[in-house]
Amino acid sequence: MAQLRWSLQAAQDLEDICDFLAQDSPQFACVFAQRAMTIIESIPDQPRLGSIVPEYNRSELRERLLYNYRIIYRVQGEIVQIVTITHGARLLASDLLSEDG
């Protein structure tokens, strides 16, 4: 099983999304956080299960979907790094492939 790591960006993304969702529904924000963590914690078991991120078309950059959000991660051998969590309507950052994510 691969080792799971988070970029600082991804950790901040999850916090920001939950804060935003909590403005309308604290209960849904909690459900979102729980489901996001369930997906993220399952990624190391089968890291190639996620789809290749179409904007980059690189086999090491993958995504899993949760509602309208994209959980984007990088597979590097035995390491899986959660790079960012973003709304599907947003454009991805051009520096997504950098090692810092």
PDB file of N, CA and C in Angstrom:
ATOM      1  N   MET A   1       0.842  -1.184   0.000  1.00  0.00           N
ATOM      2  CA  MET A   1       0.000   0.000   0.000  1.00  0.00           C
ATOM      3  C   MET A   1       0.884   1.243   0.000  1.00  0.00           C
ATOM      4  N   ALA A   2       0.486   2.222  -0.768  1.00  0.00           N
ATOM      5  CA  ALA A   2       1.235   3.470  -0.876  1.00  0.00           C
ATOM      6  C   ALA A   2       1.066   4.314   0.385  1.00  0.00           C
ATOM      7  N   GLN A   3       2.022   5.201   0.584  1.00  0.00           N
ATOM      8  CA  GLN A   3       1.984   6.130   1.716  1.00  0.00           C
ATOM      9  C   GLN A   3       1.231   7.389   1.277  1.00  0.00           C
ATOM     10  N   LEU A   4       0.349   7.883   2.126  1.00  0.00           N
ATOM     11  CA  LEU A   4      -0.464   9.055   1.822  1.00  0.00           C
ATOM     12  C   LEU A   4       0.178  10.314   2.388  1.00  0.00           C
ATOM     13  N   ARG A   5       0.282  11.326   1.544  1.00  0.00           N
ATOM     14  CA  ARG A   5       0.782  12.638   1.971  1.00  0.00           C
ATOM     15  C   ARG A   5      -0.153  13.715   1.451  1.00  0.00           C
ATOM     16  N   TRP A   6      -0.212  14.799   2.176  1.00  0.00           N
ATOM     17  CA  TRP A   6      -1.038  15.947   1.802  1.00  0.00           C
ATOM     18  C   TRP A   6      -0.130  17.123   1.457  1.00  0.00           C
ATOM     19  N   SER A   7      -0.466  17.855   0.405  1.00  0.00           N
ATOM     20  CA  SER A   7       0.189  19.142   0.185  1.00  0.00           C
ATOM     21  C   SER A   7      -0.470  20.149   1.124  1.00  0.00           C
ATOM     22  N   LEU A   8       0.237  21.220   1.422  1.00  0.00           N
ATOM     23  CA  LEU A   8      -0.356  22.282   2.247  1.00  0.00           C
ATOM     24  C   LEU A   8      -1.585  22.850   1.557  1.00  0.00           C
ATOM     25  N   GLN A   9      -1.524  22.939   0.228  1.00  0.00           N
ATOM     26  CA  GLN A   9      -2.657  23.461  -0.550  1.00  0.00           C
ATOM     27  C   GLN A   9      -3.902  22.605  -0.363  1.00  0.00           C
ATOM     28  N   ALA A  10      -3.751  21.293  -0.451  1.00  0.00           N
ATOM     29  CA  ALA A  10      -4.906  20.400  -0.326  1.00  0.00           C
ATOM     30  C   ALA A  10      -5.530  20.492   1.068  1.00  0.00           C
ATOM     31  N   ALA A  11      -4.708  20.552   2.093  1.00  0.00           N
ATOM     32  CA  ALA A  11      -5.229  20.678   3.459  1.00  0.00           C
ATOM     33  C   ALA A  11      -6.010  21.983   3.606  1.00  0.00           C
ATOM     34  N   GLN A  12      -5.472  23.053   3.056  1.00  0.00           N
ATOM     35  CA  GLN A  12      -6.161  24.348   3.108  1.00  0.00           C
ATOM     36  C   GLN A  12      -7.443  24.314   2.275  1.00  0.00           C
ATOM     37  N   ASP A  13      -7.385  23.652   1.125  1.00  0.00           N
ATOM     38  CA  ASP A  13      -8.573  23.535   0.280  1.00  0.00           C
ATOM     39  C   ASP A  13      -9.723  22.875   1.027  1.00  0.00           C
ATOM     40  N   LEU A  14      -9.445  21.755   1.683  1.00  0.00           N
ATOM     41  CA  LEU A  14     -10.503  21.045   2.402  1.00  0.00           C
ATOM     42  C   LEU A  14     -11.093  21.913   3.502  1.00  0.00           C
ATOM     43  N   GLU A  15     -10.241  22.600   4.225  1.00  0.00           N
ATOM     44  CA  GLU A  15     -10.731  23.493   5.284  1.00  0.00           C
ATOM     45  C   GLU A  15     -11.590  24.614   4.698  1.00  0.00           C
ATOM     46  N   ASP A  16     -11.128  25.224   3.613  1.00  0.00           N
ATOM     47  CA  ASP A  16     -11.872  26.322   2.985  1.00  0.00           C
ATOM     48  C   ASP A  16     -13.222  25.851   2.447  1.00  0.00           C
ATOM     49  N   ILE A  17     -13.248  24.690   1.811  1.00  0.00           N
ATOM     50  CA  ILE A  17     -14.504  24.157   1.278  1.00  0.00           C
ATOM     51  C   ILE A  17     -15.493  23.902   2.408  1.00  0.00           C
ATOM     52  N   CYS A  18     -15.026  23.286   3.469  1.00  0.00           N
ATOM     53  CA  CYS A  18     -15.913  23.000   4.598  1.00  0.00           C
ATOM     54  C   CYS A  18     -16.422  24.282   5.255  1.00  0.00           C
ATOM     55  N   ASP A  19     -15.570  25.277   5.366  1.00  0.00           N
ATOM     56  CA  ASP A  19     -16.005  26.573   5.914  1.00  0.00           C
ATOM     57  C   ASP A  19     -17.086  27.187   5.027  1.00  0.00           C
ATOM     58  N   PHE A  20     -16.886  27.117   3.719  1.00  0.00           N
ATOM     59  CA  PHE A  20     -17.853  27.666   2.770  1.00  0.00           C
ATOM     60  C   PHE A  20     -19.181  26.923   2.869  1.00  0.00           C
ATOM     61  N   LEU A  21     -19.138  25.606   2.871  1.00  0.00           N
ATOM     62  CA  LEU A  21     -20.363  24.811   2.947  1.00  0.00           C
ATOM     63  C   LEU A  21     -21.088  25.022   4.271  1.00  0.00           C
ATOM     64  N   ALA A  22     -20.350  25.221   5.335  1.00  0.00           N
ATOM     65  CA  ALA A  22     -20.937  25.396   6.662  1.00  0.00           C
ATOM     66  C   ALA A  22     -21.743  26.686   6.779  1.00  0.00           C
ATOM     67  N   GLN A  23     -21.481  27.649   5.911  1.00  0.00           N
ATOM     68  CA  GLN A  23     -22.260  28.885   5.946  1.00  0.00           C
ATOM     69  C   GLN A  23     -23.741  28.603   5.702  1.00  0.00           C
ATOM     70  N   ASP A  24     -24.036  27.633   4.847  1.00  0.00           N
ATOM     71  CA  ASP A  24     -25.423  27.268   4.554  1.00  0.00           C
ATOM     72  C   ASP A  24     -25.887  26.053   5.347  1.00  0.00           C
ATOM     73  N   SER A  25     -24.964  25.112   5.583  1.00  0.00           N
ATOM     74  CA  SER A  25     -25.358  23.877   6.258  1.00  0.00           C
ATOM     75  C   SER A  25     -24.172  23.258   6.988  1.00  0.00           C
ATOM     76  N   PRO A  26     -24.049  23.534   8.268  1.00  0.00           N
ATOM     77  CA  PRO A  26     -22.966  22.906   9.032  1.00  0.00           C
ATOM     78  C   PRO A  26     -23.019  21.375   8.969  1.00  0.00           C
ATOM     79  N   GLN A  27     -24.218  20.830   8.910  1.00  0.00           N
ATOM     80  CA  GLN A  27     -24.357  19.370   8.831  1.00  0.00           C
ATOM     81  C   GLN A  27     -23.790  18.841   7.514  1.00  0.00           C
ATOM     82  N   PHE A  28     -24.099  19.510   6.401  1.00  0.00           N
ATOM     83  CA  PHE A  28     -23.573  19.052   5.115  1.00  0.00           C
ATOM     84  C   PHE A  28     -22.061  19.224   5.059  1.00  0.00           C
ATOM     85  N   ALA A  29     -21.535  20.275   5.645  1.00  0.00           N
ATOM     86  CA  ALA A  29     -20.081  20.473   5.679  1.00  0.00           C
ATOM     87  C   ALA A  29     -19.409  19.301   6.391  1.00  0.00           C
ATOM     88  N   CYS A  30     -20.020  18.833   7.463  1.00  0.00           N
ATOM     89  CA  CYS A  30     -19.480  17.690   8.209  1.00  0.00           C
ATOM     90  C   CYS A  30     -19.556  16.419   7.357  1.00  0.00           C
ATOM     91  N   VAL A  31     -20.675  16.212   6.684  1.00  0.00           N
ATOM     92  CA  VAL A  31     -20.834  15.046   5.807  1.00  0.00           C
ATOM     93  C   VAL A  31     -19.809  15.098   4.681  1.00  0.00           C
ATOM     94  N   PHE A  32     -19.634  16.282   4.094  1.00  0.00           N
ATOM     95  CA  PHE A  32     -18.654  16.436   3.015  1.00  0.00           C
ATOM     96  C   PHE A  32     -17.257  16.067   3.506  1.00  0.00           C
ATOM     97  N   ALA A  33     -16.876  16.591   4.654  1.00  0.00           N
ATOM     98  CA  ALA A  33     -15.539  16.311   5.203  1.00  0.00           C
ATOM     99  C   ALA A  33     -15.360  14.812   5.443  1.00  0.00           C
ATOM    100  N   GLN A  34     -16.360  14.166   5.996  1.00  0.00           N
ATOM    101  CA  GLN A  34     -16.270  12.729   6.257  1.00  0.00           C
ATOM    102  C   GLN A  34     -16.136  11.938   4.967  1.00  0.00           C
ATOM    103  N   ARG A  35     -16.929  12.276   3.966  1.00  0.00           N
ATOM    104  CA  ARG A  35     -16.863  11.560   2.684  1.00  0.00           C
ATOM    105  C   ARG A  35     -15.557  11.825   1.966  1.00  0.00           C
ATOM    106  N   ALA A  36     -15.078  13.066   2.036  1.00  0.00           N
ATOM    107  CA  ALA A  36     -13.785  13.389   1.418  1.00  0.00           C
ATOM    108  C   ALA A  36     -12.683  12.559   2.067  1.00  0.00           C
ATOM    109  N   MET A  37     -12.687  12.480   3.383  1.00  0.00           N
ATOM    110  CA  MET A  37     -11.654  11.709   4.080  1.00  0.00           C
ATOM    111  C   MET A  37     -11.755  10.220   3.758  1.00  0.00           C
ATOM    112  N   THR A  38     -12.962   9.708   3.627  1.00  0.00           N
ATOM    113  CA  THR A  38     -13.130   8.296   3.258  1.00  0.00           C
ATOM    114  C   THR A  38     -12.516   8.024   1.891  1.00  0.00           C
ATOM    115  N   ILE A  39     -12.793   8.901   0.931  1.00  0.00           N
ATOM    116  CA  ILE A  39     -12.217   8.736  -0.410  1.00  0.00           C
ATOM    117  C   ILE A  39     -10.703   8.856  -0.348  1.00  0.00           C
ATOM    118  N   ILE A  40     -10.215   9.901   0.303  1.00  0.00           N
ATOM    119  CA  ILE A  40      -8.773  10.153   0.352  1.00  0.00           C
ATOM    120  C   ILE A  40      -8.035   9.003   1.030  1.00  0.00           C
ATOM    121  N   GLU A  41      -8.573   8.514   2.124  1.00  0.00           N
ATOM    122  CA  GLU A  41      -7.911   7.418   2.838  1.00  0.00           C
ATOM    123  C   GLU A  41      -7.947   6.103   2.057  1.00  0.00           C
ATOM    124  N   SER A  42      -8.853   5.982   1.090  1.00  0.00           N
ATOM    125  CA  SER A  42      -8.922   4.766   0.271  1.00  0.00           C
ATOM    126  C   SER A  42      -7.983   4.814  -0.935  1.00  0.00           C
ATOM    127  N   ILE A  43      -7.522   5.978  -1.309  1.00  0.00           N
ATOM    128  CA  ILE A  43      -6.704   6.128  -2.512  1.00  0.00           C
ATOM    129  C   ILE A  43      -5.418   5.294  -2.466  1.00  0.00           C
ATOM    130  N   PRO A  44      -4.676   5.258  -1.371  1.00  0.00           N
ATOM    131  CA  PRO A  44      -3.442   4.468  -1.369  1.00  0.00           C
ATOM    132  C   PRO A  44      -3.649   2.978  -1.653  1.00  0.00           C
ATOM    133  N   ASP A  45      -4.830   2.443  -1.348  1.00  0.00           N
ATOM    134  CA  ASP A  45      -5.103   1.030  -1.614  1.00  0.00           C
ATOM    135  C   ASP A  45      -5.151   0.730  -3.111  1.00  0.00           C
ATOM    136  N   GLN A  46      -5.703   1.652  -3.892  1.00  0.00           N
ATOM    137  CA  GLN A  46      -5.803   1.493  -5.338  1.00  0.00           C
ATOM    138  C   GLN A  46      -5.592   2.853  -6.007  1.00  0.00           C
ATOM    139  N   PRO A  47      -4.367   3.338  -6.022  1.00  0.00           N
ATOM    140  CA  PRO A  47      -4.130   4.691  -6.518  1.00  0.00           C
ATOM    141  C   PRO A  47      -4.449   4.901  -7.993  1.00  0.00           C
ATOM    142  N   ARG A  48      -4.433   3.846  -8.783  1.00  0.00           N
ATOM    143  CA  ARG A  48      -4.719   3.987 -10.221  1.00  0.00           C
ATOM    144  C   ARG A  48      -6.214   3.917 -10.525  1.00  0.00           C
ATOM    145  N   LEU A  49      -7.044   3.791  -9.485  1.00  0.00           N
ATOM    146  CA  LEU A  49      -8.488   3.739  -9.670  1.00  0.00           C
ATOM    147  C   LEU A  49      -9.037   5.070 -10.178  1.00  0.00           C
ATOM    148  N   GLY A  50      -8.445   6.166  -9.740  1.00  0.00           N
ATOM    149  CA  GLY A  50      -8.916   7.484 -10.161  1.00  0.00           C
ATOM    150  C   GLY A  50      -8.634   7.731 -11.627  1.00  0.00           C
ATOM    151  N   SER A  51      -9.408   8.638 -12.205  1.00  0.00           N
ATOM    152  CA  SER A  51      -9.230   9.012 -13.615  1.00  0.00           C
ATOM    153  C   SER A  51      -8.017   9.907 -13.782  1.00  0.00           C
ATOM    154  N   ILE A  52      -7.395   9.829 -14.937  1.00  0.00           N
ATOM    155  CA  ILE A  52      -6.317  10.756 -15.282  1.00  0.00           C
ATOM    156  C   ILE A  52      -6.929  12.145 -15.428  1.00  0.00           C
ATOM    157  N   VAL A  53      -6.270  13.158 -14.878  1.00  0.00           N
ATOM    158  CA  VAL A  53      -6.760  14.538 -14.968  1.00  0.00           C
ATOM    159  C   VAL A  53      -6.671  14.961 -16.439  1.00  0.00           C
ATOM    160  N   PRO A  54      -7.820  15.226 -17.092  1.00  0.00           N
ATOM    161  CA  PRO A  54      -7.805  15.464 -18.537  1.00  0.00           C
ATOM    162  C   PRO A  54      -6.996  16.691 -18.976  1.00  0.00           C
ATOM    163  N   GLU A  55      -6.937  17.718 -18.132  1.00  0.00           N
ATOM    164  CA  GLU A  55      -6.194  18.923 -18.508  1.00  0.00           C
ATOM    165  C   GLU A  55      -4.701  18.656 -18.658  1.00  0.00           C
ATOM    166  N   TYR A  56      -4.190  17.635 -17.988  1.00  0.00           N
ATOM    167  CA  TYR A  56      -2.761  17.348 -18.013  1.00  0.00           C
ATOM    168  C   TYR A  56      -2.418  16.074 -18.776  1.00  0.00           C
ATOM    169  N   ASN A  57      -3.335  15.110 -18.801  1.00  0.00           N
ATOM    170  CA  ASN A  57      -3.135  13.844 -19.501  1.00  0.00           C
ATOM    171  C   ASN A  57      -1.808  13.179 -19.135  1.00  0.00           C
ATOM    172  N   ARG A  58      -1.541  13.136 -17.826  1.00  0.00           N
ATOM    173  CA  ARG A  58      -0.331  12.493 -17.295  1.00  0.00           C
ATOM    174  C   ARG A  58      -0.770  11.372 -16.373  1.00  0.00           C
ATOM    175  N   SER A  59      -0.211  10.178 -16.557  1.00  0.00           N
ATOM    176  CA  SER A  59      -0.682   9.015 -15.812  1.00  0.00           C
ATOM    177  C   SER A  59      -0.478   9.135 -14.306  1.00  0.00           C
ATOM    178  N   GLU A  60       0.465   9.949 -13.854  1.00  0.00           N
ATOM    179  CA  GLU A  60       0.709  10.081 -12.417  1.00  0.00           C
ATOM    180  C   GLU A  60      -0.234  11.076 -11.738  1.00  0.00           C
ATOM    181  N   LEU A  61      -0.957  11.878 -12.502  1.00  0.00           N
ATOM    182  CA  LEU A  61      -1.861  12.878 -11.941  1.00  0.00           C
ATOM    183  C   LEU A  61      -3.291  12.397 -12.138  1.00  0.00           C
ATOM    184  N   ARG A  62      -3.962  12.102 -11.026  1.00  0.00           N
ATOM    185  CA  ARG A  62      -5.278  11.462 -11.069  1.00  0.00           C
ATOM    186  C   ARG A  62      -6.276  12.239 -10.230  1.00  0.00           C
ATOM    187  N   GLU A  63      -7.553  11.875 -10.389  1.00  0.00           N
ATOM    188  CA  GLU A  63      -8.591  12.546  -9.619  1.00  0.00           C
ATOM    189  C   GLU A  63      -9.706  11.587  -9.268  1.00  0.00           C
ATOM    190  N   ARG A  64     -10.321  11.869  -8.140  1.00  0.00           N
ATOM    191  CA  ARG A  64     -11.557  11.206  -7.715  1.00  0.00           C
ATOM    192  C   ARG A  64     -12.575  12.323  -7.498  1.00  0.00           C
ATOM    193  N   LEU A  65     -13.819  12.044  -7.744  1.00  0.00           N
ATOM    194  CA  LEU A  65     -14.861  13.058  -7.659  1.00  0.00           C
ATOM    195  C   LEU A  65     -15.715  12.865  -6.414  1.00  0.00           C
ATOM    196  N   LEU A  66     -16.118  13.986  -5.839  1.00  0.00           N
ATOM    197  CA  LEU A  66     -17.036  14.007  -4.707  1.00  0.00           C
ATOM    198  C   LEU A  66     -17.980  15.178  -4.920  1.00  0.00           C
ATOM    199  N   TYR A  67     -19.247  14.858  -5.217  1.00  0.00           N
ATOM    200  CA  TYR A  67     -20.220  15.881  -5.576  1.00  0.00           C
ATOM    201  C   TYR A  67     -19.656  16.692  -6.731  1.00  0.00           C
ATOM    202  N   ASN A  68     -19.557  18.016  -6.588  1.00  0.00           N
ATOM    203  CA  ASN A  68     -19.021  18.860  -7.660  1.00  0.00           C
ATOM    204  C   ASN A  68     -17.531  19.148  -7.487  1.00  0.00           C
ATOM    205  N   TYR A  69     -16.873  18.411  -6.616  1.00  0.00           N
ATOM    206  CA  TYR A  69     -15.475  18.680  -6.292  1.00  0.00           C
ATOM    207  C   TYR A  69     -14.555  17.598  -6.841  1.00  0.00           C
ATOM    208  N   ARG A  70     -13.347  18.007  -7.147  1.00  0.00           N
ATOM    209  CA  ARG A  70     -12.314  17.118  -7.662  1.00  0.00           C
ATOM    210  C   ARG A  70     -11.216  16.981  -6.613  1.00  0.00           C
ATOM    211  N   ILE A  71     -10.914  15.757  -6.233  1.00  0.00           N
ATOM    212  CA  ILE A  71      -9.795  15.480  -5.341  1.00  0.00           C
ATOM    213  C   ILE A  71      -8.654  15.035  -6.246  1.00  0.00           C
ATOM    214  N   ILE A  72      -7.672  15.883  -6.407  1.00  0.00           N
ATOM    215  CA  ILE A  72      -6.589  15.626  -7.358  1.00  0.00           C
ATOM    216  C   ILE A  72      -5.348  15.189  -6.589  1.00  0.00           C
ATOM    217  N   TYR A  73      -4.760  14.097  -7.072  1.00  0.00           N
ATOM    218  CA  TYR A  73      -3.603  13.530  -6.386  1.00  0.00           C
ATOM    219  C   TYR A  73      -2.552  13.059  -7.383  1.00  0.00           C
ATOM    220  N   ARG A  74      -1.333  12.963  -6.881  1.00  0.00           N
ATOM    221  CA  ARG A  74      -0.186  12.549  -7.682  1.00  0.00           C
ATOM    222  C   ARG A  74       0.317  11.216  -7.154  1.00  0.00           C
ATOM    223  N   VAL A  75       0.550  10.277  -8.065  1.00  0.00           N
ATOM    224  CA  VAL A  75       1.092   8.966  -7.700  1.00  0.00           C
ATOM    225  C   VAL A  75       2.564   8.956  -8.091  1.00  0.00           C
ATOM    226  N   GLN A  76       3.428   8.749  -7.097  1.00  0.00           N
ATOM    227  CA  GLN A  76       4.873   8.697  -7.323  1.00  0.00           C
ATOM    228  C   GLN A  76       5.410   7.457  -6.628  1.00  0.00           C
ATOM    229  N   GLY A  77       5.433   6.347  -7.349  1.00  0.00           N
ATOM    230  CA  GLY A  77       5.904   5.108  -6.746  1.00  0.00           C
ATOM    231  C   GLY A  77       5.023   4.704  -5.591  1.00  0.00           C
ATOM    232  N   GLU A  78       5.613   4.631  -4.406  1.00  0.00           N
ATOM    233  CA  GLU A  78       4.878   4.224  -3.208  1.00  0.00           C
ATOM    234  C   GLU A  78       4.323   5.410  -2.426  1.00  0.00           C
ATOM    235  N   ILE A  79       4.296   6.584  -3.047  1.00  0.00           N
ATOM    236  CA  ILE A  79       3.766   7.783  -2.386  1.00  0.00           C
ATOM    237  C   ILE A  79       2.589   8.321  -3.192  1.00  0.00           C
ATOM    238  N   VAL A  80       1.510   8.612  -2.482  1.00  0.00           N
ATOM    239  CA  VAL A  80       0.349   9.280  -3.071  1.00  0.00           C
ATOM    240  C   VAL A  80       0.222  10.620  -2.372  1.00  0.00           C
ATOM    241  N   GLN A  81       0.301  11.704  -3.146  1.00  0.00           N
ATOM    242  CA  GLN A  81       0.183  13.035  -2.568  1.00  0.00           C
ATOM    243  C   GLN A  81      -1.138  13.663  -3.000  1.00  0.00           C
ATOM    244  N   ILE A  82      -1.944  14.057  -2.028  1.00  0.00           N
ATOM    245  CA  ILE A  82      -3.150  14.822  -2.326  1.00  0.00           C
ATOM    246  C   ILE A  82      -2.668  16.222  -2.683  1.00  0.00           C
ATOM    247  N   VAL A  83      -2.925  16.631  -3.915  1.00  0.00           N
ATOM    248  CA  VAL A  83      -2.382  17.886  -4.433  1.00  0.00           C
ATOM    249  C   VAL A  83      -3.328  19.050  -4.176  1.00  0.00           C
ATOM    250  N   THR A  84      -4.605  18.859  -4.514  1.00  0.00           N
ATOM    251  CA  THR A  84      -5.580  19.931  -4.340  1.00  0.00           C
ATOM    252  C   THR A  84      -6.974  19.346  -4.328  1.00  0.00           C
ATOM    253  N   ILE A  85      -7.901  20.080  -3.761  1.00  0.00           N
ATOM    254  CA  ILE A  85      -9.322  19.744  -3.813  1.00  0.00           C
ATOM    255  C   ILE A  85     -10.003  20.997  -4.323  1.00  0.00           C
ATOM    256  N   THR A  86     -10.674  20.880  -5.450  1.00  0.00           N
ATOM    257  CA  THR A  86     -11.206  22.074  -6.096  1.00  0.00           C
ATOM    258  C   THR A  86     -12.582  21.817  -6.678  1.00  0.00           C
ATOM    259  N   HIS A  87     -13.354  22.869  -6.803  1.00  0.00           N
ATOM    260  CA  HIS A  87     -14.665  22.755  -7.434  1.00  0.00           C
ATOM    261  C   HIS A  87     -14.462  22.460  -8.918  1.00  0.00           C
ATOM    262  N   GLY A  88     -15.307  21.620  -9.452  1.00  0.00           N
ATOM    263  CA  GLY A  88     -15.175  21.205 -10.843  1.00  0.00           C
ATOM    264  C   GLY A  88     -15.297  22.337 -11.850  1.00  0.00           C
ATOM    265  N   ALA A  89     -15.942  23.437 -11.482  1.00  0.00           N
ATOM    266  CA  ALA A  89     -16.104  24.564 -12.399  1.00  0.00           C
ATOM    267  C   ALA A  89     -14.878  25.475 -12.445  1.00  0.00           C
ATOM    268  N   ARG A  90     -13.944  25.287 -11.525  1.00  0.00           N
ATOM    269  CA  ARG A  90     -12.763  26.146 -11.465  1.00  0.00           C
ATOM    270  C   ARG A  90     -11.657  25.623 -12.373  1.00  0.00           C
ATOM    271  N   LEU A  91     -10.889  26.527 -12.912  1.00  0.00           N
ATOM    272  CA  LEU A  91      -9.722  26.154 -13.703  1.00  0.00           C
ATOM    273  C   LEU A  91      -8.627  25.675 -12.758  1.00  0.00           C
ATOM    274  N   LEU A  92      -7.863  24.700 -13.200  1.00  0.00           N
ATOM    275  CA  LEU A  92      -6.744  24.209 -12.389  1.00  0.00           C
ATOM    276  C   LEU A  92      -5.565  25.151 -12.500  1.00  0.00           C
ATOM    277  N   ALA A  93      -4.800  25.242 -11.430  1.00  0.00           N
ATOM    278  CA  ALA A  93      -3.599  26.077 -11.416  1.00  0.00           C
ATOM    279  C   ALA A  93      -2.581  25.530 -12.411  1.00  0.00           C
ATOM    280  N   SER A  94      -1.836  26.413 -13.036  1.00  0.00           N
ATOM    281  CA  SER A  94      -0.855  25.993 -14.025  1.00  0.00           C
ATOM    282  C   SER A  94       0.339  25.294 -13.391  1.00  0.00           C
ATOM    283  N   ASP A  95       0.564  25.481 -12.090  1.00  0.00           N
ATOM    284  CA  ASP A  95       1.716  24.872 -11.404  1.00  0.00           C
ATOM    285  C   ASP A  95       1.353  23.570 -10.698  1.00  0.00           C
ATOM    286  N   LEU A  96       0.279  22.932 -11.104  1.00  0.00           N
ATOM    287  CA  LEU A  96      -0.192  21.729 -10.441  1.00  0.00           C
ATOM    288  C   LEU A  96       0.827  20.603 -10.472  1.00  0.00           C
ATOM    289  N   LEU A  97       1.683  20.586 -11.445  1.00  0.00           N
ATOM    290  CA  LEU A  97       2.667  19.517 -11.564  1.00  0.00           C
ATOM    291  C   LEU A  97       3.914  19.759 -10.741  1.00  0.00           C
ATOM    292  N   SER A  98       4.025  20.898 -10.093  1.00  0.00           N
ATOM    293  CA  SER A  98       5.198  21.144  -9.263  1.00  0.00           C
ATOM    294  C   SER A  98       5.183  20.192  -8.075  1.00  0.00           C
ATOM    295  N   GLU A  99       6.324  19.902  -7.523  1.00  0.00           N
ATOM    296  CA  GLU A  99       6.438  18.944  -6.423  1.00  0.00           C
ATOM    297  C   GLU A  99       5.712  19.409  -5.166  1.00  0.00           C
ATOM    298  N   ASP A 100       5.555  20.701  -4.991  1.00  0.00           N
ATOM    299  CA  ASP A 100       4.866  21.224  -3.811  1.00  0.00           C
ATOM    300  C   ASP A 100       3.352  21.173  -3.970  1.00  0.00           C
ATOM    301  N   GLY A 101       2.914  20.951  -5.219  1.00  0.00           N
ATOM    302  CA  GLY A 101       1.490  20.803  -5.500  1.00  0.00           C
ATOM    303  C   GLY A 101       0.786  22.103  -5.337  1.00  0.00           C
TER     304      GLY A 101
END
